[in-house]
Amino acid sequence: MTRVPAQGPSGHQAGHLVLYDGVCRLCNRSVQFVLERDRHAAFQFASLQSATGQAMVARYRRSTEDLTTFYVVANFRTSSARFYAKSDAALFVLHELGWPWKGLLIARMCPRAIRDLAYDVIARTRYRVFGRYDQCVMPRPEFRDRFIDEGRV
């Protein structure tokens, strides 16, 4: 995984876009985790159910029907955007959050196929274990500007 410099949404030309399942409780907790630790405001967010999420997934030729995968588009507003999925996306986020989360990058020692298999097991059982919402959750007011509406990509 190549280091992509973090650039925040306010006034910056790039930023990293996290695409997540908006009705999944685990996914929403993960988004809150990132929001609270993203000191440089490098990440923006869109649910996979939104028009923005659907357009980004389609742009990278992934299934718009598959809501079980977590994606990150690094530097999504530039021509050098990079697309990450599953465990690679999670490791990219941890790297960008810095220490101590960056320490979990030791997981890269494990082959991607095994990391993604573990990811898939969690993805298949996440609603049963963590639950789901009836509709996408609204972000807290202090973080609303970090969520992309359909017209803001």
Protein backbone atom coordinates (compact mmCIF):
# COMPACT_ATOMS: atom_id res chain seq x y z
CA MET A 1 0.00 0.00 0.00
CA THR A 2 1.41 3.33 -1.07
CA ARG A 3 1.28 6.31 1.28
CA VAL A 4 -1.19 8.91 0.02
CA PRO A 5 -0.91 12.29 1.76
CA ALA A 6 -3.90 13.26 3.85
CA GLN A 7 -5.70 16.37 2.76
CA GLY A 8 -8.80 17.64 4.48
CA PRO A 9 -12.10 18.71 2.96
CA SER A 10 -12.13 22.37 3.97
CA GLY A 11 -10.31 24.37 1.37
CA HIS A 12 -8.21 21.44 0.18
CA GLN A 13 -8.36 20.09 -3.32
CA ALA A 14 -8.30 16.42 -2.33
CA GLY A 15 -9.38 14.24 0.56
CA HIS A 16 -10.19 10.62 1.10
CA LEU A 17 -13.72 9.31 0.65
CA VAL A 18 -14.98 6.46 2.84
CA LEU A 19 -17.93 4.51 1.41
CA TYR A 20 -19.82 2.50 4.01
CA ASP A 21 -23.14 0.72 4.59
CA GLY A 22 -25.33 3.45 6.07
CA VAL A 23 -27.75 1.11 7.85
CA CYS A 24 -25.13 -1.15 9.45
CA ARG A 25 -24.54 -0.42 13.14
CA LEU A 26 -20.94 -1.72 12.98
CA CYS A 27 -20.21 0.44 9.94
CA ASN A 28 -21.69 3.52 11.62
CA ARG A 29 -19.63 2.88 14.75
CA SER A 30 -16.55 2.57 12.55
CA VAL A 31 -17.34 5.91 10.90
CA GLN A 32 -17.70 7.54 14.33
CA PHE A 33 -14.38 5.99 15.36
CA VAL A 34 -12.67 7.56 12.33
CA LEU A 35 -14.37 10.93 12.76
CA GLU A 36 -13.24 11.23 16.37
CA ARG A 37 -9.62 10.34 15.55
CA ASP A 38 -9.14 12.07 12.19
CA ARG A 39 -7.12 15.05 13.45
CA HIS A 40 -6.48 16.45 9.97
CA ALA A 41 -10.06 16.07 8.68
CA ALA A 42 -8.64 13.97 5.85
CA PHE A 43 -11.74 11.80 5.46
CA GLN A 44 -15.15 12.50 4.04
CA PHE A 45 -17.97 9.98 4.02
CA ALA A 46 -20.83 8.76 1.85
CA SER A 47 -23.11 5.80 2.43
CA LEU A 48 -23.21 3.09 -0.20
CA GLN A 49 -26.97 3.66 -0.40
CA SER A 50 -26.59 7.31 -1.44
CA ALA A 51 -26.38 8.53 -5.03
CA THR A 52 -22.78 9.60 -4.33
CA GLY A 53 -21.87 6.17 -2.98
CA GLN A 54 -23.55 4.40 -5.88
CA ALA A 55 -21.80 6.64 -8.44
CA MET A 56 -18.37 6.13 -6.89
CA VAL A 57 -18.77 2.35 -6.69
CA ALA A 58 -19.94 2.23 -10.32
CA ARG A 59 -17.03 4.46 -11.40
CA TYR A 60 -14.62 1.79 -10.12
CA ARG A 61 -16.63 -1.00 -11.74
CA ARG A 62 -17.86 -2.60 -8.54
CA SER A 63 -21.36 -3.89 -7.91
CA THR A 64 -23.74 -1.21 -6.69
CA GLU A 65 -25.86 -4.02 -5.21
CA ASP A 66 -23.07 -5.20 -2.88
CA LEU A 67 -23.44 -3.36 0.41
CA THR A 68 -21.11 -5.70 2.30
CA THR A 69 -17.87 -4.03 1.27
CA PHE A 70 -16.12 -1.05 2.80
CA TYR A 71 -14.33 1.16 0.28
CA VAL A 72 -11.95 4.12 0.41
CA VAL A 73 -11.16 6.35 -2.54
CA ALA A 74 -7.90 8.11 -1.64
CA ASN A 75 -7.52 11.63 -3.05
CA PHE A 76 -10.92 11.16 -4.67
CA ARG A 77 -11.09 14.69 -6.11
CA THR A 78 -7.89 14.30 -8.14
CA SER A 79 -6.77 12.42 -11.23
CA SER A 80 -4.49 10.32 -9.03
CA ALA A 81 -7.35 8.83 -6.98
CA ARG A 82 -6.73 5.30 -5.65
CA PHE A 83 -9.46 2.80 -4.85
CA TYR A 84 -9.19 0.44 -1.86
CA ALA A 85 -11.60 -2.29 -0.76
CA LYS A 86 -12.14 -4.49 2.28
CA SER A 87 -9.01 -5.01 4.43
CA ASP A 88 -6.87 -2.76 2.24
CA ALA A 89 -9.40 0.06 2.81
CA ALA A 90 -9.37 -0.53 6.57
CA LEU A 91 -5.56 -0.57 6.68
CA PHE A 92 -5.41 2.64 4.63
CA VAL A 93 -7.69 4.36 7.15
CA LEU A 94 -5.61 3.16 10.11
CA HIS A 95 -2.44 4.38 8.41
CA GLU A 96 -3.91 7.83 7.83
CA LEU A 97 -5.14 8.10 11.43
CA GLY A 98 -1.53 7.85 12.59
CA TRP A 99 -0.26 6.47 15.89
CA PRO A 100 -1.27 4.39 17.78
CA TRP A 101 -3.69 3.06 15.11
CA LYS A 102 -0.91 2.85 12.57
CA GLY A 103 0.60 0.09 14.69
CA LEU A 104 -2.16 -2.23 13.51
CA LEU A 105 -0.58 -2.18 10.06
CA ILE A 106 1.32 -5.25 11.20
CA ALA A 107 -1.74 -7.02 9.77
CA ARG A 108 -0.19 -6.42 6.33
CA MET A 109 2.10 -9.34 7.11
CA CYS A 110 -0.92 -11.55 6.59
CA PRO A 111 -1.74 -12.18 2.90
CA ARG A 112 -4.61 -10.08 1.50
CA ALA A 113 -6.64 -13.22 0.68
CA ILE A 114 -6.66 -14.25 4.34
CA ARG A 115 -7.35 -10.68 5.58
CA ASP A 116 -10.24 -10.37 3.13
CA LEU A 117 -11.62 -13.78 4.10
CA ALA A 118 -11.78 -12.60 7.73
CA TYR A 119 -13.35 -9.35 6.51
CA ASP A 120 -16.00 -11.31 4.56
CA VAL A 121 -16.92 -13.40 7.61
CA ILE A 122 -17.50 -10.23 9.64
CA ALA A 123 -19.40 -8.60 6.75
CA ARG A 124 -21.75 -11.59 6.41
CA THR A 125 -22.62 -11.65 10.12
CA ARG A 126 -22.53 -7.92 10.97
CA TYR A 127 -26.31 -7.35 10.96
CA ARG A 128 -26.90 -10.40 13.15
CA VAL A 129 -24.15 -9.53 15.62
CA PHE A 130 -24.28 -5.72 15.67
CA GLY A 131 -27.76 -4.97 14.28
CA ARG A 132 -28.98 -2.57 11.64
CA TYR A 133 -30.95 0.64 11.38
CA ASP A 134 -34.14 1.04 9.35
CA GLN A 135 -32.57 3.93 7.45
CA CYS A 136 -29.22 5.67 7.12
CA VAL A 137 -28.16 7.48 10.29
CA MET A 138 -27.78 11.27 10.25
CA PRO A 139 -24.33 12.45 11.31
CA ARG A 140 -23.87 14.52 14.44
CA PRO A 141 -24.09 18.27 13.70
CA GLU A 142 -20.37 18.89 14.28
CA PHE A 143 -19.51 16.33 11.58
CA ARG A 144 -22.21 17.05 8.96
CA ASP A 145 -19.83 18.90 6.64
CA ARG A 146 -17.73 15.71 6.38
CA PHE A 147 -20.60 13.80 4.73
CA ILE A 148 -21.07 14.23 1.03
CA ASP A 149 -24.52 14.84 -0.35
CA GLU A 150 -25.42 13.74 -3.86
CA GLY A 151 -24.59 17.12 -5.33
CA ARG A 152 -21.18 17.64 -3.69
CA VAL A 153 -18.85 15.14 -5.40
